PDB file of all heavy atoms in Angstrom:
ATOM      1  N   HIS A   1       7.909   1.644  -5.340  1.00  0.00           N
ATOM      2  CA  HIS A   1       7.061   2.776  -5.721  1.00  0.00           C
ATOM      3  C   HIS A   1       5.583   2.429  -5.922  1.00  0.00           C
ATOM      4  O   HIS A   1       4.809   3.276  -6.275  1.00  0.00           O
ATOM      5  CB  HIS A   1       7.622   3.401  -7.004  1.00  0.00           C
ATOM      6  CG  HIS A   1       7.556   2.469  -8.186  1.00  0.00           C
ATOM      7  ND1 HIS A   1       8.364   1.363  -8.310  1.00  0.00           N
ATOM      8  CD2 HIS A   1       6.766   2.461  -9.296  1.00  0.00           C
ATOM      9  CE1 HIS A   1       8.094   0.717  -9.417  1.00  0.00           C
ATOM     10  NE2 HIS A   1       7.121   1.372 -10.044  1.00  0.00           N
ATOM     11  N   ARG A   2       5.214   1.126  -5.677  1.00  0.00           N
ATOM     12  CA  ARG A   2       3.818   0.728  -5.912  1.00  0.00           C
ATOM     13  C   ARG A   2       3.452  -0.494  -5.086  1.00  0.00           C
ATOM     14  O   ARG A   2       4.347  -1.222  -4.620  1.00  0.00           O
ATOM     15  CB  ARG A   2       3.588   0.451  -7.391  1.00  0.00           C
ATOM     16  CG  ARG A   2       4.446  -0.644  -7.979  1.00  0.00           C
ATOM     17  CD  ARG A   2       4.147  -0.899  -9.450  1.00  0.00           C
ATOM     18  NE  ARG A   2       4.852  -2.063  -9.946  1.00  0.00           N
ATOM     19  CZ  ARG A   2       4.581  -2.653 -11.100  1.00  0.00           C
ATOM     20  NH1 ARG A   2       3.606  -2.209 -11.870  1.00  0.00           N
ATOM     21  NH2 ARG A   2       5.269  -3.714 -11.484  1.00  0.00           N
ATOM     22  N   ILE A   3       2.140  -0.702  -4.926  1.00  0.00           N
ATOM     23  CA  ILE A   3       1.617  -1.839  -4.146  1.00  0.00           C
ATOM     24  C   ILE A   3       0.470  -2.443  -4.958  1.00  0.00           C
ATOM     25  O   ILE A   3      -0.316  -1.729  -5.583  1.00  0.00           O
ATOM     26  CB  ILE A   3       1.171  -1.406  -2.731  1.00  0.00           C
ATOM     27  CG1 ILE A   3       0.663  -2.612  -1.916  1.00  0.00           C
ATOM     28  CG2 ILE A   3       0.087  -0.325  -2.779  1.00  0.00           C
ATOM     29  CD1 ILE A   3       0.431  -2.318  -0.474  1.00  0.00           C
ATOM     30  N   LYS A   4       0.380  -3.765  -4.907  1.00  0.00           N
ATOM     31  CA  LYS A   4      -0.694  -4.488  -5.614  1.00  0.00           C
ATOM     32  C   LYS A   4      -1.836  -4.794  -4.647  1.00  0.00           C
ATOM     33  O   LYS A   4      -1.744  -5.688  -3.810  1.00  0.00           O
ATOM     34  CB  LYS A   4      -0.176  -5.771  -6.246  1.00  0.00           C
ATOM     35  CG  LYS A   4      -1.132  -6.374  -7.302  1.00  0.00           C
ATOM     36  CD  LYS A   4      -0.531  -7.542  -8.007  1.00  0.00           C
ATOM     37  CE  LYS A   4      -1.442  -8.041  -9.121  1.00  0.00           C
ATOM     38  NZ  LYS A   4      -0.871  -9.184  -9.824  1.00  0.00           N
ATOM     39  N   ILE A   5      -2.936  -4.027  -4.769  1.00  0.00           N
ATOM     40  CA  ILE A   5      -4.095  -4.170  -3.893  1.00  0.00           C
ATOM     41  C   ILE A   5      -5.152  -5.030  -4.583  1.00  0.00           C
ATOM     42  O   ILE A   5      -5.476  -4.759  -5.756  1.00  0.00           O
ATOM     43  CB  ILE A   5      -4.682  -2.791  -3.526  1.00  0.00           C
ATOM     44  CG1 ILE A   5      -3.630  -1.953  -2.776  1.00  0.00           C
ATOM     45  CG2 ILE A   5      -5.943  -2.933  -2.663  1.00  0.00           C
ATOM     46  CD1 ILE A   5      -4.026  -0.518  -2.565  1.00  0.00           C
ATOM     47  N   PRO A   6      -5.683  -6.069  -3.934  1.00  0.00           N
ATOM     48  CA  PRO A   6      -6.744  -6.880  -4.557  1.00  0.00           C
ATOM     49  C   PRO A   6      -7.918  -6.005  -4.977  1.00  0.00           C
ATOM     50  O   PRO A   6      -8.295  -5.062  -4.287  1.00  0.00           O
ATOM     51  CB  PRO A   6      -7.161  -7.824  -3.435  1.00  0.00           C
ATOM     52  CG  PRO A   6      -5.951  -7.914  -2.536  1.00  0.00           C
ATOM     53  CD  PRO A   6      -5.308  -6.576  -2.628  1.00  0.00           C
ATOM     54  N   THR A   7      -8.493  -6.311  -6.159  1.00  0.00           N
ATOM     55  CA  THR A   7      -9.594  -5.583  -6.832  1.00  0.00           C
ATOM     56  C   THR A   7      -9.173  -4.252  -7.441  1.00  0.00           C
ATOM     57  O   THR A   7      -9.868  -3.725  -8.282  1.00  0.00           O
ATOM     58  CB  THR A   7     -10.801  -5.325  -5.884  1.00  0.00           C
ATOM     59  OG1 THR A   7     -10.466  -4.328  -4.909  1.00  0.00           O
ATOM     60  CG2 THR A   7     -11.288  -6.596  -5.209  1.00  0.00           C
ATOM     61  N   LEU A   8      -8.026  -3.722  -7.044  1.00  0.00           N
ATOM     62  CA  LEU A   8      -7.510  -2.455  -7.646  1.00  0.00           C
ATOM     63  C   LEU A   8      -6.353  -2.665  -8.576  1.00  0.00           C
ATOM     64  O   LEU A   8      -6.193  -1.966  -9.590  1.00  0.00           O
ATOM     65  CB  LEU A   8      -7.103  -1.463  -6.548  1.00  0.00           C
ATOM     66  CG  LEU A   8      -8.202  -0.804  -5.727  1.00  0.00           C
ATOM     67  CD1 LEU A   8      -7.580   0.147  -4.715  1.00  0.00           C
ATOM     68  CD2 LEU A   8      -9.205  -0.063  -6.574  1.00  0.00           C
ATOM     69  N   GLY A   9      -5.494  -3.642  -8.239  1.00  0.00           N
ATOM     70  CA  GLY A   9      -4.277  -3.868  -9.023  1.00  0.00           C
ATOM     71  C   GLY A   9      -3.119  -2.999  -8.507  1.00  0.00           C
ATOM     72  O   GLY A   9      -3.132  -2.575  -7.360  1.00  0.00           O
ATOM     73  N   TRP A  10      -2.171  -2.730  -9.373  1.00  0.00           N
ATOM     74  CA  TRP A  10      -1.006  -1.931  -8.973  1.00  0.00           C
ATOM     75  C   TRP A  10      -1.388  -0.462  -8.778  1.00  0.00           C
ATOM     76  O   TRP A  10      -1.989   0.122  -9.652  1.00  0.00           O
ATOM     77  CB  TRP A  10       0.105  -2.027 -10.008  1.00  0.00           C
ATOM     78  CG  TRP A  10       0.793  -3.352 -10.035  1.00  0.00           C
ATOM     79  CD1 TRP A  10       0.642  -4.337 -10.959  1.00  0.00           C
ATOM     80  CD2 TRP A  10       1.738  -3.840  -9.076  1.00  0.00           C
ATOM     81  NE1 TRP A  10       1.439  -5.420 -10.629  1.00  0.00           N
ATOM     82  CE2 TRP A  10       2.122  -5.149  -9.472  1.00  0.00           C
ATOM     83  CE3 TRP A  10       2.275  -3.331  -7.890  1.00  0.00           C
ATOM     84  CZ2 TRP A  10       3.029  -5.937  -8.782  1.00  0.00           C
ATOM     85  CZ3 TRP A  10       3.193  -4.116  -7.200  1.00  0.00           C
ATOM     86  CH2 TRP A  10       3.554  -5.371  -7.634  1.00  0.00           C
ATOM     87  N   VAL A  11      -1.054   0.089  -7.618  1.00  0.00           N
ATOM     88  CA  VAL A  11      -1.341   1.492  -7.299  1.00  0.00           C
ATOM     89  C   VAL A  11      -0.049   2.185  -6.937  1.00  0.00           C
ATOM     90  O   VAL A  11       0.761   1.667  -6.175  1.00  0.00           O
ATOM     91  CB  VAL A  11      -2.348   1.609  -6.111  1.00  0.00           C
ATOM     92  CG1 VAL A  11      -2.736   3.075  -5.879  1.00  0.00           C
ATOM     93  CG2 VAL A  11      -3.576   0.777  -6.350  1.00  0.00           C
ATOM     94  N   THR A  12       0.162   3.388  -7.482  1.00  0.00           N
ATOM     95  CA  THR A  12       1.397   4.152  -7.236  1.00  0.00           C
ATOM     96  C   THR A  12       1.406   4.749  -5.845  1.00  0.00           C
ATOM     97  O   THR A  12       0.409   5.293  -5.390  1.00  0.00           O
ATOM     98  CB  THR A  12       1.523   5.257  -8.275  1.00  0.00           C
ATOM     99  OG1 THR A  12       1.376   4.723  -9.578  1.00  0.00           O
ATOM    100  CG2 THR A  12       2.880   5.946  -8.196  1.00  0.00           C
ATOM    101  N   LEU A  13       2.558   4.647  -5.161  1.00  0.00           N
ATOM    102  CA  LEU A  13       2.737   5.222  -3.836  1.00  0.00           C
ATOM    103  C   LEU A  13       3.333   6.623  -3.956  1.00  0.00           C
ATOM    104  O   LEU A  13       4.197   6.866  -4.828  1.00  0.00           O
ATOM    105  CB  LEU A  13       3.667   4.338  -2.988  1.00  0.00           C
ATOM    106  CG  LEU A  13       3.229   2.888  -2.729  1.00  0.00           C
ATOM    107  CD1 LEU A  13       4.365   2.113  -2.092  1.00  0.00           C
ATOM    108  CD2 LEU A  13       1.994   2.840  -1.850  1.00  0.00           C
ATOM    109  N   LYS A  14       2.953   7.508  -3.051  1.00  0.00           N
ATOM    110  CA  LYS A  14       3.547   8.866  -3.075  1.00  0.00           C
ATOM    111  C   LYS A  14       4.949   8.829  -2.475  1.00  0.00           C
ATOM    112  O   LYS A  14       5.884   9.403  -3.038  1.00  0.00           O
ATOM    113  CB  LYS A  14       2.653   9.813  -2.261  1.00  0.00           C
ATOM    114  CG  LYS A  14       3.177  11.229  -2.233  1.00  0.00           C
ATOM    115  CD  LYS A  14       2.356  12.146  -1.375  1.00  0.00           C
ATOM    116  CE  LYS A  14       2.914  13.564  -1.339  1.00  0.00           C
ATOM    117  NZ  LYS A  14       2.143  14.457  -0.482  1.00  0.00           N
ATOM    118  N   GLU A  15       5.090   8.131  -1.344  1.00  0.00           N
ATOM    119  CA  GLU A  15       6.395   8.065  -0.656  1.00  0.00           C
ATOM    120  C   GLU A  15       7.136   6.803  -1.100  1.00  0.00           C
ATOM    121  O   GLU A  15       6.700   5.694  -0.766  1.00  0.00           O
ATOM    122  CB  GLU A  15       6.187   8.089   0.855  1.00  0.00           C
ATOM    123  CG  GLU A  15       7.433   8.386   1.645  1.00  0.00           C
ATOM    124  CD  GLU A  15       7.171   8.562   3.116  1.00  0.00           C
ATOM    125  OE1 GLU A  15       5.995   8.624   3.511  1.00  0.00           O
ATOM    126  OE2 GLU A  15       8.139   8.636   3.887  1.00  0.00           O
ATOM    127  N   LYS A  16       8.192   6.969  -1.798  1.00  0.00           N
ATOM    128  CA  LYS A  16       8.928   5.821  -2.350  1.00  0.00           C
ATOM    129  C   LYS A  16       9.810   5.184  -1.266  1.00  0.00           C
ATOM    130  O   LYS A  16      10.504   5.870  -0.522  1.00  0.00           O
ATOM    131  CB  LYS A  16       9.824   6.257  -3.521  1.00  0.00           C
ATOM    132  CG  LYS A  16       9.135   7.104  -4.591  1.00  0.00           C
ATOM    133  CD  LYS A  16       8.115   6.311  -5.376  1.00  0.00           C
ATOM    134  CE  LYS A  16       7.570   7.090  -6.550  1.00  0.00           C
ATOM    135  NZ  LYS A  16       6.663   8.183  -6.217  1.00  0.00           N
ATOM    136  N   GLY A  17       9.749   3.836  -1.177  1.00  0.00           N
ATOM    137  CA  GLY A  17      10.614   3.098  -0.284  1.00  0.00           C
ATOM    138  C   GLY A  17      10.170   3.105   1.175  1.00  0.00           C
ATOM    139  O   GLY A  17      10.921   2.651   2.049  1.00  0.00           O
ATOM    140  N   TYR A  18       8.956   3.584   1.472  1.00  0.00           N
ATOM    141  CA  TYR A  18       8.483   3.618   2.842  1.00  0.00           C
ATOM    142  C   TYR A  18       7.953   2.263   3.292  1.00  0.00           C
ATOM    143  O   TYR A  18       8.271   1.754   4.389  1.00  0.00           O
ATOM    144  CB  TYR A  18       7.376   4.673   3.009  1.00  0.00           C
ATOM    145  CG  TYR A  18       6.721   4.697   4.360  1.00  0.00           C
ATOM    146  CD1 TYR A  18       7.454   5.016   5.520  1.00  0.00           C
ATOM    147  CD2 TYR A  18       5.375   4.424   4.524  1.00  0.00           C
ATOM    148  CE1 TYR A  18       6.866   5.031   6.755  1.00  0.00           C
ATOM    149  CE2 TYR A  18       4.777   4.430   5.746  1.00  0.00           C
ATOM    150  CZ  TYR A  18       5.512   4.756   6.885  1.00  0.00           C
ATOM    151  OH  TYR A  18       4.910   4.753   8.117  1.00  0.00           O
ATOM    152  N   LEU A  19       7.150   1.609   2.436  1.00  0.00           N
ATOM    153  CA  LEU A  19       6.598   0.296   2.780  1.00  0.00           C
ATOM    154  C   LEU A  19       7.671  -0.779   2.578  1.00  0.00           C
ATOM    155  O   LEU A  19       8.417  -0.731   1.620  1.00  0.00           O
ATOM    156  CB  LEU A  19       5.365  -0.021   1.902  1.00  0.00           C
ATOM    157  CG  LEU A  19       4.169   0.871   2.037  1.00  0.00           C
ATOM    158  CD1 LEU A  19       3.027   0.410   1.147  1.00  0.00           C
ATOM    159  CD2 LEU A  19       3.674   0.958   3.478  1.00  0.00           C
ATOM    160  N   PRO A  20       7.743  -1.783   3.485  1.00  0.00           N
ATOM    161  CA  PRO A  20       8.719  -2.857   3.319  1.00  0.00           C
ATOM    162  C   PRO A  20       8.434  -3.716   2.112  1.00  0.00           C
ATOM    163  O   PRO A  20       7.279  -4.059   1.824  1.00  0.00           O
ATOM    164  CB  PRO A  20       8.574  -3.681   4.618  1.00  0.00           C
ATOM    165  CG  PRO A  20       7.234  -3.310   5.133  1.00  0.00           C
ATOM    166  CD  PRO A  20       6.921  -1.948   4.701  1.00  0.00           C
ATOM    167  N   THR A  21       9.495  -4.060   1.345  1.00  0.00           N
ATOM    168  CA  THR A  21       9.312  -4.764   0.055  1.00  0.00           C
ATOM    169  C   THR A  21       9.850  -6.184   0.070  1.00  0.00           C
ATOM    170  O   THR A  21       9.491  -6.960  -0.801  1.00  0.00           O
ATOM    171  CB  THR A  21      10.017  -3.971  -1.065  1.00  0.00           C
ATOM    172  OG1 THR A  21      11.393  -3.769  -0.700  1.00  0.00           O
ATOM    173  CG2 THR A  21       9.350  -2.630  -1.280  1.00  0.00           C
ATOM    174  N   ASN A  22      10.701  -6.546   1.016  1.00  0.00           N
ATOM    175  CA  ASN A  22      11.312  -7.898   1.053  1.00  0.00           C
ATOM    176  C   ASN A  22      10.284  -8.905   1.536  1.00  0.00           C
ATOM    177  O   ASN A  22       9.987  -8.989   2.732  1.00  0.00           O
ATOM    178  CB  ASN A  22      12.556  -7.899   1.973  1.00  0.00           C
ATOM    179  CG  ASN A  22      13.366  -9.161   1.793  1.00  0.00           C
ATOM    180  OD1 ASN A  22      12.873 -10.194   1.312  1.00  0.00           O
ATOM    181  ND2 ASN A  22      14.631  -9.079   2.188  1.00  0.00           N
ATOM    182  N   ALA A  23       9.717  -9.688   0.604  1.00  0.00           N
ATOM    183  CA  ALA A  23       8.634 -10.642   0.940  1.00  0.00           C
ATOM    184  C   ALA A  23       9.126 -11.802   1.793  1.00  0.00           C
ATOM    185  O   ALA A  23       8.309 -12.457   2.467  1.00  0.00           O
ATOM    186  CB  ALA A  23       8.012 -11.156  -0.351  1.00  0.00           C
ATOM    187  N   ASN A  24      10.419 -12.087   1.816  1.00  0.00           N
ATOM    188  CA  ASN A  24      10.972 -13.175   2.618  1.00  0.00           C
ATOM    189  C   ASN A  24      11.008 -12.839   4.107  1.00  0.00           C
ATOM    190  O   ASN A  24      10.944 -13.715   4.955  1.00  0.00           O
ATOM    191  CB  ASN A  24      12.395 -13.532   2.146  1.00  0.00           C
ATOM    192  CG  ASN A  24      12.407 -14.008   0.718  1.00  0.00           C
ATOM    193  OD1 ASN A  24      11.483 -14.721   0.295  1.00  0.00           O
ATOM    194  ND2 ASN A  24      13.404 -13.625  -0.058  1.00  0.00           N
ATOM    195  N   ILE A  25      11.092 -11.556   4.408  1.00  0.00           N
ATOM    196  CA  ILE A  25      11.178 -11.120   5.804  1.00  0.00           C
ATOM    197  C   ILE A  25       9.863 -10.478   6.259  1.00  0.00           C
ATOM    198  O   ILE A  25       9.382 -10.733   7.350  1.00  0.00           O
ATOM    199  CB  ILE A  25      12.357 -10.115   5.979  1.00  0.00           C
ATOM    200  CG1 ILE A  25      13.664 -10.780   5.569  1.00  0.00           C
ATOM    201  CG2 ILE A  25      12.440  -9.620   7.437  1.00  0.00           C
ATOM    202  CD1 ILE A  25      14.843  -9.842   5.483  1.00  0.00           C
ATOM    203  N   TYR A  26       9.274  -9.637   5.392  1.00  0.00           N
ATOM    204  CA  TYR A  26       8.067  -8.905   5.712  1.00  0.00           C
ATOM    205  C   TYR A  26       6.856  -9.473   4.964  1.00  0.00           C
ATOM    206  O   TYR A  26       6.955  -9.762   3.768  1.00  0.00           O
ATOM    207  CB  TYR A  26       8.231  -7.418   5.350  1.00  0.00           C
ATOM    208  CG  TYR A  26       9.396  -6.750   6.017  1.00  0.00           C
ATOM    209  CD1 TYR A  26      10.638  -6.662   5.378  1.00  0.00           C
ATOM    210  CD2 TYR A  26       9.278  -6.212   7.286  1.00  0.00           C
ATOM    211  CE1 TYR A  26      11.720  -6.061   5.976  1.00  0.00           C
ATOM    212  CE2 TYR A  26      10.361  -5.602   7.908  1.00  0.00           C
ATOM    213  CZ  TYR A  26      11.571  -5.520   7.251  1.00  0.00           C
ATOM    214  OH  TYR A  26      12.633  -4.914   7.864  1.00  0.00           O
ATOM    215  N   SER A  27       5.768  -9.609   5.684  1.00  0.00           N
ATOM    216  CA  SER A  27       4.529 -10.158   5.075  1.00  0.00           C
ATOM    217  C   SER A  27       3.357  -9.233   5.358  1.00  0.00           C
ATOM    218  O   SER A  27       3.024  -8.964   6.533  1.00  0.00           O
ATOM    219  CB  SER A  27       4.246 -11.558   5.648  1.00  0.00           C
ATOM    220  OG  SER A  27       3.002 -12.025   5.213  1.00  0.00           O
ATOM    221  N   ILE A  28       2.744  -8.703   4.292  1.00  0.00           N
ATOM    222  CA  ILE A  28       1.560  -7.821   4.437  1.00  0.00           C
ATOM    223  C   ILE A  28       0.328  -8.691   4.653  1.00  0.00           C
ATOM    224  O   ILE A  28      -0.037  -9.495   3.795  1.00  0.00           O
ATOM    225  CB  ILE A  28       1.387  -6.904   3.198  1.00  0.00           C
ATOM    226  CG1 ILE A  28       2.607  -6.000   3.055  1.00  0.00           C
ATOM    227  CG2 ILE A  28       0.113  -6.073   3.319  1.00  0.00           C
ATOM    228  CD1 ILE A  28       2.612  -5.174   1.772  1.00  0.00           C
ATOM    229  N   LYS A  29      -0.277  -8.582   5.824  1.00  0.00           N
ATOM    230  CA  LYS A  29      -1.430  -9.414   6.179  1.00  0.00           C
ATOM    231  C   LYS A  29      -2.750  -8.855   5.652  1.00  0.00           C
ATOM    232  O   LYS A  29      -3.572  -9.585   5.104  1.00  0.00           O
ATOM    233  CB  LYS A  29      -1.516  -9.541   7.714  1.00  0.00           C
ATOM    234  CG  LYS A  29      -0.341 -10.255   8.354  1.00  0.00           C
ATOM    235  CD  LYS A  29      -0.373 -11.722   7.998  1.00  0.00           C
ATOM    236  CE  LYS A  29       0.751 -12.485   8.680  1.00  0.00           C
ATOM    237  NZ  LYS A  29       0.767 -13.892   8.276  1.00  0.00           N
ATOM    238  N   SER A  30      -2.980  -7.569   5.868  1.00  0.00           N
ATOM    239  CA  SER A  30      -4.226  -6.958   5.452  1.00  0.00           C
ATOM    240  C   SER A  30      -4.036  -5.452   5.359  1.00  0.00           C
ATOM    241  O   SER A  30      -2.939  -4.938   5.636  1.00  0.00           O
ATOM    242  CB  SER A  30      -5.356  -7.260   6.453  1.00  0.00           C
ATOM    243  OG  SER A  30      -5.035  -6.762   7.743  1.00  0.00           O
ATOM    244  N   GLY A  31      -5.088  -4.748   4.985  1.00  0.00           N
ATOM    245  CA  GLY A  31      -4.960  -3.276   4.871  1.00  0.00           C
ATOM    246  C   GLY A  31      -6.294  -2.603   4.551  1.00  0.00           C
ATOM    247  O   GLY A  31      -7.315  -3.282   4.376  1.00  0.00           O
ATOM    248  N   PHE A  32      -6.248  -1.292   4.521  1.00  0.00           N
ATOM    249  CA  PHE A  32      -7.412  -0.448   4.210  1.00  0.00           C
ATOM    250  C   PHE A  32      -7.022   0.598   3.196  1.00  0.00           C
ATOM    251  O   PHE A  32      -5.882   1.101   3.198  1.00  0.00           O
ATOM    252  CB  PHE A  32      -7.936   0.257   5.445  1.00  0.00           C
ATOM    253  CG  PHE A  32      -8.562  -0.638   6.469  1.00  0.00           C
ATOM    254  CD1 PHE A  32      -7.843  -1.127   7.540  1.00  0.00           C
ATOM    255  CD2 PHE A  32      -9.897  -1.003   6.360  1.00  0.00           C
ATOM    256  CE1 PHE A  32      -8.419  -1.955   8.493  1.00  0.00           C
ATOM    257  CE2 PHE A  32     -10.501  -1.840   7.288  1.00  0.00           C
ATOM    258  CZ  PHE A  32      -9.756  -2.298   8.366  1.00  0.00           C
ATOM    259  N   VAL A  33      -7.967   0.970   2.338  1.00  0.00           N
ATOM    260  CA  VAL A  33      -7.823   2.136   1.481  1.00  0.00           C
ATOM    261  C   VAL A  33      -8.823   3.145   1.968  1.00  0.00           C
ATOM    262  O   VAL A  33     -10.022   2.818   2.085  1.00  0.00           O
ATOM    263  CB  VAL A  33      -8.048   1.798  -0.015  1.00  0.00           C
ATOM    264  CG1 VAL A  33      -8.005   3.051  -0.864  1.00  0.00           C
ATOM    265  CG2 VAL A  33      -7.042   0.786  -0.507  1.00  0.00           C
ATOM    266  N   SER A  34      -8.394   4.356   2.277  1.00  0.00           N
ATOM    267  CA  SER A  34      -9.291   5.375   2.817  1.00  0.00           C
ATOM    268  C   SER A  34      -9.182   6.668   2.043  1.00  0.00           C
ATOM    269  O   SER A  34      -8.197   6.882   1.302  1.00  0.00           O
ATOM    270  CB  SER A  34      -8.959   5.627   4.291  1.00  0.00           C
ATOM    271  OG  SER A  34      -7.609   6.005   4.432  1.00  0.00           O
ATOM    272  N   MET A  35     -10.159   7.535   2.234  1.00  0.00           N
ATOM    273  CA  MET A  35     -10.197   8.861   1.616  1.00  0.00           C
ATOM    274  C   MET A  35     -10.321   9.926   2.680  1.00  0.00           C
ATOM    275  O   MET A  35     -11.055   9.748   3.660  1.00  0.00           O
ATOM    276  CB  MET A  35     -11.433   8.982   0.697  1.00  0.00           C
ATOM    277  CG  MET A  35     -11.275   8.306  -0.648  1.00  0.00           C
ATOM    278  SD  MET A  35     -12.846   8.224  -1.538  1.00  0.00           S
ATOM    279  CE  MET A  35     -13.688   9.699  -1.023  1.00  0.00           C
ATOM    280  N   LYS A  36      -9.602  11.043   2.500  1.00  0.00           N
ATOM    281  CA  LYS A  36      -9.720  12.165   3.427  1.00  0.00           C
ATOM    282  C   LYS A  36      -9.326  13.442   2.724  1.00  0.00           C
ATOM    283  O   LYS A  36      -8.233  13.548   2.185  1.00  0.00           O
ATOM    284  CB  LYS A  36      -8.849  11.949   4.654  1.00  0.00           C
ATOM    285  CG  LYS A  36      -9.213  12.842   5.832  1.00  0.00           C
ATOM    286  CD  LYS A  36      -8.517  12.406   7.103  1.00  0.00           C
ATOM    287  CE  LYS A  36      -9.020  13.231   8.277  1.00  0.00           C
ATOM    288  NZ  LYS A  36      -8.355  12.840   9.531  1.00  0.00           N
ATOM    289  N   ALA A  37     -10.266  14.389   2.690  1.00  0.00           N
ATOM    290  CA  ALA A  37     -10.041  15.711   2.090  1.00  0.00           C
ATOM    291  C   ALA A  37      -9.515  15.625   0.668  1.00  0.00           C
ATOM    292  O   ALA A  37      -8.565  16.327   0.283  1.00  0.00           O
ATOM    293  CB  ALA A  37      -9.083  16.525   2.982  1.00  0.00           C
ATOM    294  N   GLY A  38     -10.145  14.733  -0.131  1.00  0.00           N
ATOM    295  CA  GLY A  38      -9.762  14.604  -1.530  1.00  0.00           C
ATOM    296  C   GLY A  38      -8.489  13.808  -1.793  1.00  0.00           C
ATOM    297  O   GLY A  38      -8.046  13.704  -2.915  1.00  0.00           O
ATOM    298  N   ARG A  39      -7.886  13.253  -0.733  1.00  0.00           N
ATOM    299  CA  ARG A  39      -6.665  12.453  -0.888  1.00  0.00           C
ATOM    300  C   ARG A  39      -6.965  10.974  -0.585  1.00  0.00           C
ATOM    301  O   ARG A  39      -7.928  10.683   0.133  1.00  0.00           O
ATOM    302  CB  ARG A  39      -5.566  12.951   0.060  1.00  0.00           C
ATOM    303  CG  ARG A  39      -5.043  14.340  -0.318  1.00  0.00           C
ATOM    304  CD  ARG A  39      -3.906  14.696   0.593  1.00  0.00           C
ATOM    305  NE  ARG A  39      -3.278  15.925   0.235  1.00  0.00           N
ATOM    306  CZ  ARG A  39      -2.170  16.435   0.792  1.00  0.00           C
ATOM    307  NH1 ARG A  39      -1.587  15.779   1.771  1.00  0.00           N
ATOM    308  NH2 ARG A  39      -1.673  17.572   0.399  1.00  0.00           N
ATOM    309  N   TYR A  40      -6.123  10.097  -1.084  1.00  0.00           N
ATOM    310  CA  TYR A  40      -6.319   8.653  -0.920  1.00  0.00           C
ATOM    311  C   TYR A  40      -5.122   8.064  -0.182  1.00  0.00           C
ATOM    312  O   TYR A  40      -3.956   8.418  -0.465  1.00  0.00           O
ATOM    313  CB  TYR A  40      -6.471   7.974  -2.292  1.00  0.00           C
ATOM    314  CG  TYR A  40      -7.681   8.457  -3.072  1.00  0.00           C
ATOM    315  CD1 TYR A  40      -7.603   9.624  -3.831  1.00  0.00           C
ATOM    316  CD2 TYR A  40      -8.897   7.783  -3.008  1.00  0.00           C
ATOM    317  CE1 TYR A  40      -8.716  10.096  -4.524  1.00  0.00           C
ATOM    318  CE2 TYR A  40     -10.011   8.256  -3.692  1.00  0.00           C
ATOM    319  CZ  TYR A  40      -9.916   9.386  -4.449  1.00  0.00           C
ATOM    320  OH  TYR A  40     -11.017   9.857  -5.147  1.00  0.00           O
ATOM    321  N   TYR A  41      -5.404   7.157   0.772  1.00  0.00           N
ATOM    322  CA  TYR A  41      -4.349   6.582   1.603  1.00  0.00           C
ATOM    323  C   TYR A  41      -4.503   5.072   1.672  1.00  0.00           C
ATOM    324  O   TYR A  41      -5.601   4.532   1.568  1.00  0.00           O
ATOM    325  CB  TYR A  41      -4.425   7.157   3.042  1.00  0.00           C
ATOM    326  CG  TYR A  41      -4.230   8.641   3.109  1.00  0.00           C
ATOM    327  CD1 TYR A  41      -5.287   9.503   3.001  1.00  0.00           C
ATOM    328  CD2 TYR A  41      -2.939   9.170   3.272  1.00  0.00           C
ATOM    329  CE1 TYR A  41      -5.114  10.887   3.053  1.00  0.00           C
ATOM    330  CE2 TYR A  41      -2.760  10.550   3.345  1.00  0.00           C
ATOM    331  CZ  TYR A  41      -3.839  11.391   3.227  1.00  0.00           C
ATOM    332  OH  TYR A  41      -3.672  12.749   3.280  1.00  0.00           O
ATOM    333  N   VAL A  42      -3.386   4.391   1.842  1.00  0.00           N
ATOM    334  CA  VAL A  42      -3.389   2.957   2.068  1.00  0.00           C
ATOM    335  C   VAL A  42      -2.723   2.691   3.421  1.00  0.00           C
ATOM    336  O   VAL A  42      -1.652   3.258   3.724  1.00  0.00           O
ATOM    337  CB  VAL A  42      -2.712   2.173   0.937  1.00  0.00           C
ATOM    338  CG1 VAL A  42      -1.224   2.484   0.815  1.00  0.00           C
ATOM    339  CG2 VAL A  42      -2.888   0.648   1.108  1.00  0.00           C
ATOM    340  N   SER A  43      -3.391   1.865   4.260  1.00  0.00           N
ATOM    341  CA  SER A  43      -2.827   1.432   5.545  1.00  0.00           C
ATOM    342  C   SER A  43      -2.654  -0.068   5.488  1.00  0.00           C
ATOM    343  O   SER A  43      -3.616  -0.765   5.161  1.00  0.00           O
ATOM    344  CB  SER A  43      -3.764   1.820   6.679  1.00  0.00           C
ATOM    345  OG  SER A  43      -4.093   3.178   6.622  1.00  0.00           O
ATOM    346  N   VAL A  44      -1.471  -0.569   5.814  1.00  0.00           N
ATOM    347  CA  VAL A  44      -1.212  -2.007   5.754  1.00  0.00           C
ATOM    348  C   VAL A  44      -0.694  -2.507   7.103  1.00  0.00           C
ATOM    349  O   VAL A  44      -0.014  -1.772   7.829  1.00  0.00           O
ATOM    350  CB  VAL A  44      -0.215  -2.396   4.642  1.00  0.00           C
ATOM    351  CG1 VAL A  44      -0.810  -2.162   3.277  1.00  0.00           C
ATOM    352  CG2 VAL A  44       1.083  -1.604   4.752  1.00  0.00           C
ATOM    353  N   LEU A  45      -1.087  -3.740   7.427  1.00  0.00           N
ATOM    354  CA  LEU A  45      -0.596  -4.407   8.644  1.00  0.00           C
ATOM    355  C   LEU A  45       0.465  -5.410   8.220  1.00  0.00           C
ATOM    356  O   LEU A  45       0.197  -6.340   7.468  1.00  0.00           O
ATOM    357  CB  LEU A  45      -1.761  -5.115   9.337  1.00  0.00           C
ATOM    358  CG  LEU A  45      -1.464  -5.723  10.710  1.00  0.00           C
ATOM    359  CD1 LEU A  45      -1.175  -4.610  11.725  1.00  0.00           C
ATOM    360  CD2 LEU A  45      -2.615  -6.568  11.173  1.00  0.00           C
TER     361      LEU A  45
END
């Protein structure tokens, strides 16, 4: 239900269980935080 973004800390996700959580299999390399129409989004590679 959350992701730890550098400089922001833990941020709550709207969609639970969408991002992969198993660190042994999946590795988050980088990402972006963006804004659109008053909403906030995170994109991860």
